[in-house]
């Protein structure tokens, strides 16, 4: 954008109280969330994801509570299209290798929020530099928004809906071999909402 170009008007960012009054964002149910923990499952997920040119993207790591303790994550990597999501566990080497391939795939936008630490953690854990990662907050900044935009604010601004996030799930043990239904819903919908924000911003055109 030229330096002297007029700033486009945009909707104001609603506060927490305003967001709390909105109708809930229509999240993915378990019937459209795929848990991926083996190479075979990862190959099926890869084939399904290959049909689209952009994915909602996020990672989850087991929280650290001790001062100075380094995270060993990510333990979960999730991708979503506009109608489904895949939650990849990284215990199995074959599954991890395919996730690394997906992350390194060129020509596919991988859009999400708060991805600052994800790149470093992915490089350390999977030995790959992710390609095409798009921090959606940066896009909002470029369009004139002065406050940081997370998924809740973005969903409120673009869809006039309230995005529900469970604090309990956010701080749960993502390294567990058995993820709960609440964890699956949390992880999948972070990526799913990001995919819809990406499209709503006109970035998929």
C-alpha atoms as a PDB file:
ATOM      1  CA  UNK A   1       0.000   0.000   0.000  1.00  0.00           C
ATOM      2  CA  UNK A   2       1.416   3.466  -0.887  1.00  0.00           C
ATOM      3  CA  UNK A   3       2.434   5.505   2.121  1.00  0.00           C
ATOM      4  CA  UNK A   4      -0.143   8.204   1.455  1.00  0.00           C
ATOM      5  CA  UNK A   5      -3.011   5.850   0.619  1.00  0.00           C
ATOM      6  CA  UNK A   6      -6.158   6.519   2.655  1.00  0.00           C
ATOM      7  CA  UNK A   7      -6.746   4.139   5.559  1.00  0.00           C
ATOM      8  CA  UNK A   8      -9.709   1.870   5.002  1.00  0.00           C
ATOM      9  CA  UNK A   9     -12.426   2.109   7.617  1.00  0.00           C
ATOM     10  CA  UNK A  10     -12.915  -1.081   9.571  1.00  0.00           C
ATOM     11  CA  UNK A  11     -15.326  -2.302  12.235  1.00  0.00           C
ATOM     12  CA  UNK A  12     -14.298  -1.486  15.807  1.00  0.00           C
ATOM     13  CA  UNK A  13     -12.962  -4.313  17.958  1.00  0.00           C
ATOM     14  CA  UNK A  14     -15.638  -5.231  20.508  1.00  0.00           C
ATOM     15  CA  UNK A  15     -14.679  -5.547  24.170  1.00  0.00           C
ATOM     16  CA  UNK A  16     -15.023  -8.692  26.286  1.00  0.00           C
ATOM     17  CA  UNK A  17     -18.435  -7.622  27.570  1.00  0.00           C
ATOM     18  CA  UNK A  18     -19.733  -7.059  24.029  1.00  0.00           C
ATOM     19  CA  UNK A  19     -18.319 -10.355  22.775  1.00  0.00           C
ATOM     20  CA  UNK A  20     -19.980 -12.193  25.674  1.00  0.00           C
ATOM     21  CA  UNK A  21     -23.381 -11.083  24.342  1.00  0.00           C
ATOM     22  CA  UNK A  22     -22.842 -12.456  20.828  1.00  0.00           C
ATOM     23  CA  UNK A  23     -24.233 -15.728  19.515  1.00  0.00           C
ATOM     24  CA  UNK A  24     -21.656 -18.551  19.600  1.00  0.00           C
ATOM     25  CA  UNK A  25     -19.498 -19.292  16.571  1.00  0.00           C
ATOM     26  CA  UNK A  26     -20.580 -22.566  14.966  1.00  0.00           C
ATOM     27  CA  UNK A  27     -17.726 -24.880  15.926  1.00  0.00           C
ATOM     28  CA  UNK A  28     -16.768 -28.260  14.542  1.00  0.00           C
ATOM     29  CA  UNK A  29     -18.234 -31.248  16.327  1.00  0.00           C
ATOM     30  CA  UNK A  30     -16.376 -34.501  16.932  1.00  0.00           C
ATOM     31  CA  UNK A  31     -17.925 -35.982  13.766  1.00  0.00           C
ATOM     32  CA  UNK A  32     -15.748 -33.649  11.679  1.00  0.00           C
ATOM     33  CA  UNK A  33     -12.582 -33.847  13.780  1.00  0.00           C
ATOM     34  CA  UNK A  34     -10.027 -36.518  12.894  1.00  0.00           C
ATOM     35  CA  UNK A  35      -7.487 -37.668  15.469  1.00  0.00           C
ATOM     36  CA  UNK A  36      -4.277 -38.683  13.701  1.00  0.00           C
ATOM     37  CA  UNK A  37      -1.687 -40.721  15.573  1.00  0.00           C
ATOM     38  CA  UNK A  38      -0.254 -43.250  13.072  1.00  0.00           C
ATOM     39  CA  UNK A  39       1.496 -42.979   9.732  1.00  0.00           C
ATOM     40  CA  UNK A  40      -1.434 -44.607   7.925  1.00  0.00           C
ATOM     41  CA  UNK A  41      -3.868 -42.095   9.419  1.00  0.00           C
ATOM     42  CA  UNK A  42      -1.434 -39.288   8.571  1.00  0.00           C
ATOM     43  CA  UNK A  43      -1.275 -40.418   4.932  1.00  0.00           C
ATOM     44  CA  UNK A  44      -5.078 -40.323   4.715  1.00  0.00           C
ATOM     45  CA  UNK A  45      -5.099 -36.854   6.289  1.00  0.00           C
ATOM     46  CA  UNK A  46      -2.408 -35.644   3.882  1.00  0.00           C
ATOM     47  CA  UNK A  47      -4.465 -36.787   0.895  1.00  0.00           C
ATOM     48  CA  UNK A  48      -7.542 -34.961   2.187  1.00  0.00           C
ATOM     49  CA  UNK A  49      -5.605 -31.775   2.968  1.00  0.00           C
ATOM     50  CA  UNK A  50      -3.936 -31.816  -0.454  1.00  0.00           C
ATOM     51  CA  UNK A  51      -7.281 -30.870  -2.027  1.00  0.00           C
ATOM     52  CA  UNK A  52      -7.088 -27.325  -0.593  1.00  0.00           C
ATOM     53  CA  UNK A  53      -4.568 -24.507  -0.971  1.00  0.00           C
ATOM     54  CA  UNK A  54      -4.879 -23.037   2.512  1.00  0.00           C
ATOM     55  CA  UNK A  55      -5.167 -24.530   5.971  1.00  0.00           C
ATOM     56  CA  UNK A  56      -6.001 -23.176   9.352  1.00  0.00           C
ATOM     57  CA  UNK A  57      -3.025 -24.052  11.512  1.00  0.00           C
ATOM     58  CA  UNK A  58      -2.020 -24.177  15.158  1.00  0.00           C
ATOM     59  CA  UNK A  59       0.006 -26.239  17.620  1.00  0.00           C
ATOM     60  CA  UNK A  60      -0.394 -27.216  21.265  1.00  0.00           C
ATOM     61  CA  UNK A  61       2.314 -27.948  23.821  1.00  0.00           C
ATOM     62  CA  UNK A  62       2.192 -29.370  27.303  1.00  0.00           C
ATOM     63  CA  UNK A  63       2.383 -26.341  29.606  1.00  0.00           C
ATOM     64  CA  UNK A  64       5.474 -25.690  31.689  1.00  0.00           C
ATOM     65  CA  UNK A  65       5.051 -24.435  35.228  1.00  0.00           C
ATOM     66  CA  UNK A  66       8.582 -24.381  36.665  1.00  0.00           C
ATOM     67  CA  UNK A  67      10.639 -21.233  36.187  1.00  0.00           C
ATOM     68  CA  UNK A  68      13.170 -21.636  33.386  1.00  0.00           C
ATOM     69  CA  UNK A  69      11.672 -24.945  32.240  1.00  0.00           C
ATOM     70  CA  UNK A  70      11.838 -25.341  28.458  1.00  0.00           C
ATOM     71  CA  UNK A  71       8.846 -26.641  26.545  1.00  0.00           C
ATOM     72  CA  UNK A  72       9.354 -29.956  24.762  1.00  0.00           C
ATOM     73  CA  UNK A  73       6.490 -29.192  22.383  1.00  0.00           C
ATOM     74  CA  UNK A  74       4.784 -29.030  20.128  1.00  0.00           C
ATOM     75  CA  UNK A  75       2.990 -32.198  21.133  1.00  0.00           C
ATOM     76  CA  UNK A  76       0.009 -31.551  18.849  1.00  0.00           C
ATOM     77  CA  UNK A  77      -0.175 -30.008  15.375  1.00  0.00           C
ATOM     78  CA  UNK A  78      -3.593 -29.249  13.932  1.00  0.00           C
ATOM     79  CA  UNK A  79      -4.702 -28.347  10.417  1.00  0.00           C
ATOM     80  CA  UNK A  80      -8.204 -27.475   9.241  1.00  0.00           C
ATOM     81  CA  UNK A  81     -10.083 -26.784   6.039  1.00  0.00           C
ATOM     82  CA  UNK A  82     -13.403 -24.947   5.921  1.00  0.00           C
ATOM     83  CA  UNK A  83     -15.311 -28.058   6.938  1.00  0.00           C
ATOM     84  CA  UNK A  84     -12.981 -30.481   8.767  1.00  0.00           C
ATOM     85  CA  UNK A  85      -9.948 -30.605  11.031  1.00  0.00           C
ATOM     86  CA  UNK A  86      -7.130 -33.032  11.743  1.00  0.00           C
ATOM     87  CA  UNK A  87      -5.380 -33.192  15.100  1.00  0.00           C
ATOM     88  CA  UNK A  88      -1.966 -34.840  14.765  1.00  0.00           C
ATOM     89  CA  UNK A  89      -0.206 -36.424  17.734  1.00  0.00           C
ATOM     90  CA  UNK A  90       3.567 -36.608  17.409  1.00  0.00           C
ATOM     91  CA  UNK A  91       4.400 -39.758  19.404  1.00  0.00           C
ATOM     92  CA  UNK A  92       4.738 -41.970  16.320  1.00  0.00           C
ATOM     93  CA  UNK A  93       7.858 -41.264  14.182  1.00  0.00           C
ATOM     94  CA  UNK A  94       5.995 -42.004  10.954  1.00  0.00           C
ATOM     95  CA  UNK A  95       3.202 -39.611  11.849  1.00  0.00           C
ATOM     96  CA  UNK A  96       5.709 -36.934  12.886  1.00  0.00           C
ATOM     97  CA  UNK A  97       7.580 -37.296   9.574  1.00  0.00           C
ATOM     98  CA  UNK A  98       4.396 -36.726   7.592  1.00  0.00           C
ATOM     99  CA  UNK A  99       3.507 -33.683   9.707  1.00  0.00           C
ATOM    100  CA  UNK A 100       6.969 -32.298   8.941  1.00  0.00           C
ATOM    101  CA  UNK A 101       6.305 -32.842   5.226  1.00  0.00           C
ATOM    102  CA  UNK A 102       2.965 -31.015   5.469  1.00  0.00           C
ATOM    103  CA  UNK A 103       4.562 -28.092   7.296  1.00  0.00           C
ATOM    104  CA  UNK A 104       7.324 -27.833   4.690  1.00  0.00           C
ATOM    105  CA  UNK A 105       4.924 -28.085   1.736  1.00  0.00           C
ATOM    106  CA  UNK A 106       5.286 -25.010  -0.489  1.00  0.00           C
ATOM    107  CA  UNK A 107       2.352 -23.251  -2.118  1.00  0.00           C
ATOM    108  CA  UNK A 108      -0.030 -23.852   0.783  1.00  0.00           C
ATOM    109  CA  UNK A 109      -0.898 -21.035   3.204  1.00  0.00           C
ATOM    110  CA  UNK A 110      -0.915 -22.172   6.834  1.00  0.00           C
ATOM    111  CA  UNK A 111      -2.823 -19.470   8.696  1.00  0.00           C
ATOM    112  CA  UNK A 112      -3.244 -18.993  12.415  1.00  0.00           C
ATOM    113  CA  UNK A 113      -2.965 -16.718  15.429  1.00  0.00           C
ATOM    114  CA  UNK A 114      -0.138 -16.352  17.934  1.00  0.00           C
ATOM    115  CA  UNK A 115       2.343 -18.364  15.906  1.00  0.00           C
ATOM    116  CA  UNK A 116       5.462 -16.546  17.145  1.00  0.00           C
ATOM    117  CA  UNK A 117       6.898 -19.456  19.160  1.00  0.00           C
ATOM    118  CA  UNK A 118       5.491 -22.190  16.956  1.00  0.00           C
ATOM    119  CA  UNK A 119       8.120 -21.862  14.235  1.00  0.00           C
ATOM    120  CA  UNK A 120      11.018 -22.253  16.693  1.00  0.00           C
ATOM    121  CA  UNK A 121       9.393 -25.172  18.465  1.00  0.00           C
ATOM    122  CA  UNK A 122       8.593 -26.917  15.181  1.00  0.00           C
ATOM    123  CA  UNK A 123      12.173 -26.476  13.995  1.00  0.00           C
ATOM    124  CA  UNK A 124      13.488 -27.924  17.267  1.00  0.00           C
ATOM    125  CA  UNK A 125      11.020 -30.818  17.466  1.00  0.00           C
ATOM    126  CA  UNK A 126      10.539 -31.785  13.820  1.00  0.00           C
ATOM    127  CA  UNK A 127      13.718 -30.432  12.222  1.00  0.00           C
ATOM    128  CA  UNK A 128      11.866 -28.533   9.512  1.00  0.00           C
ATOM    129  CA  UNK A 129      11.302 -24.847   8.764  1.00  0.00           C
ATOM    130  CA  UNK A 130       7.570 -24.361   8.079  1.00  0.00           C
ATOM    131  CA  UNK A 131       6.698 -22.868   4.676  1.00  0.00           C
ATOM    132  CA  UNK A 132       3.852 -20.445   4.007  1.00  0.00           C
ATOM    133  CA  UNK A 133       2.990 -19.729   7.648  1.00  0.00           C
ATOM    134  CA  UNK A 134       0.767 -16.653   7.914  1.00  0.00           C
ATOM    135  CA  UNK A 135       0.214 -14.851  11.207  1.00  0.00           C
ATOM    136  CA  UNK A 136      -3.321 -13.487  10.837  1.00  0.00           C
ATOM    137  CA  UNK A 137      -2.733 -10.794  13.451  1.00  0.00           C
ATOM    138  CA  UNK A 138      -0.165  -9.303  11.049  1.00  0.00           C
ATOM    139  CA  UNK A 139      -2.823  -9.075   8.331  1.00  0.00           C
ATOM    140  CA  UNK A 140      -5.150  -7.177  10.674  1.00  0.00           C
ATOM    141  CA  UNK A 141      -2.273  -4.834  11.557  1.00  0.00           C
ATOM    142  CA  UNK A 142      -1.621  -4.167   7.879  1.00  0.00           C
ATOM    143  CA  UNK A 143      -5.299  -3.289   7.488  1.00  0.00           C
ATOM    144  CA  UNK A 144      -5.209  -0.646  10.160  1.00  0.00           C
ATOM    145  CA  UNK A 145      -6.139  -2.449  13.376  1.00  0.00           C
ATOM    146  CA  UNK A 146      -3.993  -1.142  16.197  1.00  0.00           C
ATOM    147  CA  UNK A 147      -4.735  -3.780  18.829  1.00  0.00           C
ATOM    148  CA  UNK A 148      -3.473  -7.336  18.667  1.00  0.00           C
ATOM    149  CA  UNK A 149      -6.104  -9.594  17.175  1.00  0.00           C
ATOM    150  CA  UNK A 150      -6.517 -13.090  18.495  1.00  0.00           C
ATOM    151  CA  UNK A 151      -9.059 -15.603  17.271  1.00  0.00           C
ATOM    152  CA  UNK A 152     -11.791 -14.337  19.628  1.00  0.00           C
ATOM    153  CA  UNK A 153     -11.569 -10.728  18.449  1.00  0.00           C
ATOM    154  CA  UNK A 154     -11.248 -11.740  14.797  1.00  0.00           C
ATOM    155  CA  UNK A 155     -14.327 -13.961  14.913  1.00  0.00           C
ATOM    156  CA  UNK A 156     -16.288 -11.190  16.644  1.00  0.00           C
ATOM    157  CA  UNK A 157     -15.253  -8.564  14.064  1.00  0.00           C
ATOM    158  CA  UNK A 158     -15.689 -10.688  10.938  1.00  0.00           C
ATOM    159  CA  UNK A 159     -18.647 -12.878  11.859  1.00  0.00           C
ATOM    160  CA  UNK A 160     -20.301 -11.056  14.768  1.00  0.00           C
ATOM    161  CA  UNK A 161     -19.967 -14.286  16.753  1.00  0.00           C
ATOM    162  CA  UNK A 162     -18.435 -15.363  20.063  1.00  0.00           C
ATOM    163  CA  UNK A 163     -15.618 -17.897  19.814  1.00  0.00           C
ATOM    164  CA  UNK A 164     -15.602 -20.212  22.820  1.00  0.00           C
ATOM    165  CA  UNK A 165     -12.236 -21.304  24.228  1.00  0.00           C
ATOM    166  CA  UNK A 166     -11.848 -23.527  27.277  1.00  0.00           C
ATOM    167  CA  UNK A 167      -9.109 -22.373  29.670  1.00  0.00           C
ATOM    168  CA  UNK A 168      -9.085 -25.829  31.215  1.00  0.00           C
ATOM    169  CA  UNK A 169      -8.359 -27.438  27.840  1.00  0.00           C
ATOM    170  CA  UNK A 170      -5.762 -24.785  26.978  1.00  0.00           C
ATOM    171  CA  UNK A 171      -3.644 -25.672  30.016  1.00  0.00           C
ATOM    172  CA  UNK A 172      -4.199 -29.427  29.857  1.00  0.00           C
ATOM    173  CA  UNK A 173      -1.604 -32.128  29.188  1.00  0.00           C
ATOM    174  CA  UNK A 174      -1.176 -32.107  25.420  1.00  0.00           C
ATOM    175  CA  UNK A 175       1.561 -34.737  25.656  1.00  0.00           C
ATOM    176  CA  UNK A 176      -0.910 -37.345  26.904  1.00  0.00           C
ATOM    177  CA  UNK A 177      -1.255 -40.397  24.624  1.00  0.00           C
ATOM    178  CA  UNK A 178      -5.041 -40.201  25.094  1.00  0.00           C
ATOM    179  CA  UNK A 179      -6.555 -36.828  24.334  1.00  0.00           C
ATOM    180  CA  UNK A 180      -9.956 -35.978  25.782  1.00  0.00           C
ATOM    181  CA  UNK A 181     -12.929 -34.915  23.686  1.00  0.00           C
ATOM    182  CA  UNK A 182     -12.560 -31.413  25.133  1.00  0.00           C
ATOM    183  CA  UNK A 183      -8.931 -31.271  23.961  1.00  0.00           C
ATOM    184  CA  UNK A 184      -9.867 -32.415  20.469  1.00  0.00           C
ATOM    185  CA  UNK A 185     -12.635 -29.828  20.168  1.00  0.00           C
ATOM    186  CA  UNK A 186     -10.339 -27.075  21.476  1.00  0.00           C
ATOM    187  CA  UNK A 187      -7.417 -27.887  19.193  1.00  0.00           C
ATOM    188  CA  UNK A 188      -9.467 -28.509  16.062  1.00  0.00           C
ATOM    189  CA  UNK A 189     -11.543 -25.369  16.350  1.00  0.00           C
ATOM    190  CA  UNK A 190      -8.559 -23.062  16.803  1.00  0.00           C
ATOM    191  CA  UNK A 191      -7.396 -24.170  13.347  1.00  0.00           C
ATOM    192  CA  UNK A 192     -10.933 -24.280  11.923  1.00  0.00           C
ATOM    193  CA  UNK A 193     -11.682 -20.696  12.964  1.00  0.00           C
ATOM    194  CA  UNK A 194      -8.357 -19.554  11.497  1.00  0.00           C
ATOM    195  CA  UNK A 195      -9.285 -21.103   8.140  1.00  0.00           C
ATOM    196  CA  UNK A 196     -12.580 -19.200   8.125  1.00  0.00           C
ATOM    197  CA  UNK A 197     -10.875 -15.935   9.123  1.00  0.00           C
ATOM    198  CA  UNK A 198      -8.374 -16.447   6.275  1.00  0.00           C
ATOM    199  CA  UNK A 199     -11.216 -16.826   3.784  1.00  0.00           C
ATOM    200  CA  UNK A 200     -13.256 -13.941   5.224  1.00  0.00           C
ATOM    201  CA  UNK A 201     -10.256 -11.619   4.843  1.00  0.00           C
ATOM    202  CA  UNK A 202     -10.243 -12.379   1.114  1.00  0.00           C
ATOM    203  CA  UNK A 203      -6.887 -14.119   1.284  1.00  0.00           C
ATOM    204  CA  UNK A 204      -8.130 -17.301  -0.372  1.00  0.00           C
ATOM    205  CA  UNK A 205      -8.984 -15.545  -3.655  1.00  0.00           C
END
